[in-house]
Protein backbone atom coordinates (compact mmCIF):
# COMPACT_ATOMS: atom_id res chain seq x y z
CA MET A 1 -176.03 -17.77 -148.50
CA GLU A 2 -174.10 -16.36 -145.56
CA LEU A 3 -174.41 -19.70 -143.73
CA ASP A 4 -173.00 -21.55 -146.76
CA GLN A 5 -170.04 -19.15 -146.93
CA ILE A 6 -169.36 -19.58 -143.20
CA LYS A 7 -169.42 -23.39 -143.58
CA LYS A 8 -167.06 -23.12 -146.56
CA ILE A 9 -164.64 -20.94 -144.59
CA TRP A 10 -164.71 -23.41 -141.66
CA THR A 11 -164.11 -26.34 -144.01
CA GLU A 12 -161.18 -24.61 -145.69
CA SER A 13 -159.80 -23.62 -142.29
CA ASP A 14 -159.99 -27.20 -140.97
CA LEU A 15 -158.37 -28.49 -144.17
CA PHE A 16 -155.56 -25.95 -143.83
CA LYS A 17 -154.96 -26.95 -140.20
CA LEU A 18 -154.87 -30.62 -141.16
CA GLN A 19 -152.41 -29.96 -144.00
CA SER A 20 -150.31 -27.82 -141.70
CA GLN A 21 -150.19 -30.57 -139.06
CA VAL A 22 -149.23 -33.18 -141.67
CA SER A 23 -146.56 -30.87 -143.04
CA ASP A 24 -145.18 -30.18 -139.56
CA SER A 25 -145.08 -33.90 -138.78
CA LYS A 26 -143.14 -34.56 -141.99
CA VAL A 27 -140.59 -31.86 -141.16
CA VAL A 28 -140.11 -33.20 -137.62
CA GLU A 29 -139.74 -36.75 -138.93
CA MET A 30 -137.19 -35.64 -141.55
CA LEU A 31 -135.13 -33.81 -138.93
CA LYS A 32 -135.23 -36.82 -136.61
CA ASN A 33 -134.24 -39.16 -139.45
CA GLU A 34 -131.15 -37.03 -140.15
CA GLY A 35 -130.12 -37.38 -136.53
CA LYS A 36 -130.95 -41.09 -136.49
CA THR A 37 -128.75 -41.75 -139.53
CA ALA A 38 -125.73 -40.06 -137.94
CA LEU A 39 -126.44 -41.80 -134.63
CA ALA A 40 -126.60 -45.20 -136.34
CA LYS A 41 -123.11 -44.61 -137.79
CA LEU A 42 -121.71 -43.79 -134.33
CA ILE A 43 -123.37 -46.85 -132.82
CA ARG A 44 -121.85 -49.01 -135.57
CA LEU A 45 -118.40 -47.56 -134.83
CA GLU A 46 -118.73 -48.28 -131.11
CA LYS A 47 -119.96 -51.80 -131.84
CA ILE A 48 -116.88 -52.41 -134.01
CA SER A 49 -114.68 -51.08 -131.19
CA VAL A 50 -116.30 -53.42 -128.67
CA ILE A 51 -115.85 -56.45 -130.94
CA PHE A 52 -112.31 -55.81 -132.17
CA LEU A 53 -110.60 -54.00 -129.27
CA ILE A 54 -109.23 -57.07 -127.46
CA PRO A 55 -108.41 -58.92 -130.73
CA LEU A 56 -106.42 -55.79 -131.65
CA GLY A 57 -104.36 -56.22 -128.48
CA ILE A 58 -103.77 -59.89 -129.32
CA PHE A 59 -102.80 -58.97 -132.90
CA PHE A 60 -100.29 -56.41 -131.56
CA CYS A 61 -98.73 -59.15 -129.43
CA LEU A 62 -98.52 -61.44 -132.46
CA ILE A 63 -96.68 -58.89 -134.60
CA SER A 64 -94.39 -58.29 -131.60
CA TYR A 65 -93.33 -61.95 -131.47
CA LYS A 66 -89.66 -60.90 -131.56
CA PHE A 67 -90.21 -59.10 -128.26
CA PHE A 68 -91.32 -62.34 -126.63
CA GLN A 69 -88.43 -64.23 -128.20
CA ALA A 70 -86.03 -61.70 -126.69
CA GLY A 71 -87.78 -61.92 -123.31
CA GLY A 72 -87.13 -59.62 -120.37
CA TYR A 73 -88.26 -56.00 -120.55
CA TYR A 74 -88.99 -56.36 -124.28
CA MET A 75 -92.23 -58.15 -123.42
CA ILE A 76 -93.55 -55.28 -121.27
CA LEU A 77 -94.77 -53.02 -124.11
CA PRO A 78 -96.94 -55.53 -126.03
CA LEU A 79 -98.31 -56.94 -122.78
CA LEU A 80 -99.15 -53.43 -121.56
CA PHE A 81 -101.01 -52.74 -124.79
CA LEU A 82 -102.95 -55.99 -124.42
CA LEU A 83 -103.78 -55.07 -120.82
CA PHE A 84 -104.95 -51.64 -121.99
CA THR A 85 -107.35 -53.17 -124.52
CA ILE A 86 -108.76 -55.50 -121.87
CA LEU A 87 -109.28 -52.65 -119.37
CA ALA A 88 -110.75 -50.38 -122.07
CA GLU A 89 -113.36 -52.96 -123.10
CA PRO A 90 -115.90 -52.07 -120.35
CA PHE A 91 -115.46 -48.40 -121.24
CA GLU A 92 -116.25 -49.09 -124.90
CA ILE A 93 -119.31 -51.09 -123.85
CA TYR A 94 -120.43 -48.09 -121.76
CA LEU A 95 -120.12 -45.76 -124.79
CA TYR A 96 -122.02 -48.24 -126.94
CA ARG A 97 -124.86 -48.43 -124.41
CA LEU A 98 -124.85 -44.64 -124.00
CA LEU A 99 -125.57 -44.23 -127.71
CA ARG A 100 -128.00 -47.15 -127.88
CA GLY A 101 -129.98 -45.51 -125.09
CA ILE A 102 -130.80 -42.51 -127.31
CA ASP A 103 -134.33 -42.63 -128.69
CA PHE A 104 -135.35 -39.70 -130.88
CA SER A 105 -138.98 -40.81 -130.84
CA ASN A 106 -139.48 -41.01 -127.07
CA MET A 107 -136.90 -38.58 -125.69
CA THR A 108 -136.99 -34.78 -125.59
CA VAL A 109 -134.48 -32.66 -127.49
CA LYS A 110 -132.88 -31.74 -124.17
CA GLU A 111 -132.43 -35.37 -123.11
CA VAL A 112 -130.86 -36.35 -126.44
CA SER A 113 -128.63 -33.26 -126.38
CA GLU A 114 -127.33 -34.10 -122.90
CA ARG A 115 -126.34 -37.61 -123.97
CA ILE A 116 -124.69 -36.43 -127.19
CA LEU A 117 -122.72 -33.72 -125.38
CA LYS A 118 -121.59 -36.27 -122.82
CA TYR A 119 -120.46 -38.60 -125.59
CA GLN A 120 -118.73 -35.74 -127.42
CA ASN A 121 -116.74 -34.76 -124.31
CA ILE A 122 -115.57 -38.35 -123.81
CA VAL A 123 -114.52 -38.67 -127.47
CA GLN A 124 -112.61 -35.37 -127.30
CA LYS A 125 -110.72 -36.56 -124.22
CA SER A 126 -109.93 -39.93 -125.80
CA GLN A 127 -108.52 -38.13 -128.85
CA MET A 128 -106.38 -35.89 -126.65
CA TYR A 129 -104.99 -38.81 -124.62
CA GLY A 130 -104.46 -40.78 -127.81
CA MET A 131 -102.37 -37.97 -129.27
CA ILE A 132 -100.34 -37.68 -126.06
CA PHE A 133 -99.50 -41.39 -125.79
CA PHE A 134 -99.29 -42.24 -129.49
CA ILE A 135 -95.77 -40.97 -130.21
CA PRO A 136 -94.06 -42.32 -127.02
CA CYS A 137 -95.65 -45.77 -127.39
CA LEU A 138 -95.17 -46.12 -131.14
CA GLY A 139 -91.68 -44.60 -130.99
CA THR A 140 -90.66 -46.99 -128.20
CA TRP A 141 -92.06 -49.97 -130.11
CA TYR A 142 -90.19 -48.98 -133.28
CA TYR A 143 -86.96 -48.41 -131.38
CA MET A 144 -87.15 -51.80 -129.64
CA PHE A 145 -88.11 -53.55 -132.88
CA TYR A 146 -85.18 -51.87 -134.65
CA ARG A 147 -82.73 -52.95 -131.94
CA LEU A 148 -83.91 -56.54 -132.20
CA SER A 149 -83.78 -56.54 -136.01
CA HIS A 150 -80.60 -54.52 -136.70
CA GLY A 151 -78.83 -54.15 -133.36
CA LEU A 152 -76.68 -51.00 -133.15
CA GLU A 153 -76.21 -50.81 -136.92
CA ILE A 154 -77.59 -47.59 -138.42
CA PHE A 155 -79.92 -48.39 -141.29
CA TRP A 156 -81.32 -45.06 -142.48
CA PRO A 157 -84.21 -46.25 -144.70
CA ILE A 158 -85.77 -48.04 -141.70
CA ILE A 159 -85.16 -45.07 -139.39
CA VAL A 160 -86.72 -42.62 -141.88
CA LEU A 161 -89.69 -44.96 -142.31
CA MET A 162 -90.21 -45.09 -138.54
CA ILE A 163 -90.14 -41.29 -138.27
CA PHE A 164 -92.54 -40.98 -141.21
CA MET A 165 -94.97 -43.46 -139.63
CA CYS A 166 -94.99 -41.52 -136.36
CA ILE A 167 -95.70 -38.23 -138.14
CA ALA A 168 -98.34 -39.84 -140.35
CA GLY A 169 -100.03 -41.26 -137.25
CA LEU A 170 -100.18 -37.84 -135.60
CA ILE A 171 -101.83 -36.42 -138.71
CA ALA A 172 -104.18 -39.37 -139.21
CA ILE A 173 -105.60 -39.44 -135.67
CA PRO A 174 -107.39 -36.03 -135.78
CA VAL A 175 -108.48 -36.58 -139.40
CA LEU A 176 -110.03 -39.96 -138.57
CA TYR A 177 -111.68 -38.66 -135.41
CA LYS A 178 -113.24 -35.78 -137.34
CA LYS A 179 -114.46 -37.97 -140.19
CA LEU A 180 -115.72 -40.89 -138.10
CA TYR A 181 -116.88 -39.17 -134.92
CA PHE A 182 -117.14 -35.39 -134.91
CA ASN A 183 -118.84 -35.02 -138.31
CA ASN A 184 -121.62 -37.36 -137.18
CA ILE A 185 -121.86 -35.66 -133.78
CA ASP A 186 -122.19 -32.28 -135.53
CA ARG A 187 -124.98 -33.66 -137.76
CA ILE A 188 -126.89 -34.84 -134.69
CA LYS A 189 -126.39 -31.51 -132.91
CA LYS A 190 -127.53 -29.60 -136.00
CA SER A 191 -130.62 -31.80 -136.27
CA LEU A 192 -131.42 -31.23 -132.59
CA GLU A 193 -130.95 -27.48 -132.93
CA GLU A 194 -133.35 -27.36 -135.88
CA LEU A 195 -135.86 -29.48 -133.98
CA LYS A 196 -135.61 -27.14 -131.03
CA GLU A 197 -136.16 -24.06 -133.22
CA PHE A 198 -139.06 -25.77 -134.99
CA GLU A 199 -140.78 -26.64 -131.71
CA GLU A 200 -140.39 -23.07 -130.42
CA GLU A 201 -142.07 -21.57 -133.49
């Protein structure tokens, strides 16, 4: 009788361990999937940036056709923006590859965390520089466009619209960065933190 009870206890113990292992694996997989989903969104964003960055510069030149018709220093701003998009293309490719190199299945939590923190720092700096250069560049473009369209004549509806667009841009940049980038980065970091705590238990 005692031998039968011991066998039963062993069987129940082995079954419990097996169920525990399966349960742990499911939790780990769920946490990784949360991080993978957020990572996939960031990768998609960077892919879009790589594809459309230079066409954006070309489009900016097209809507600035009056600048090229005027010639001289008017052409500098749209050409500078086009040059910026061309020079920024390798940088966007680097960010895309940085994210594509993250593998939740074959990398440790520390390795993934290092890459995500590196990406986060770069995105934060790009937002800061974008905010610094947005108003001068957009304001200069509006001013030059206004001079070409209306000369020295004061046309208040257009001036008010230009000011409104500049302010709206300053508000939109941090909102878009938070929604598109930082929210997904935070989801990945939260997933990694939970994975780390789970592994330490």
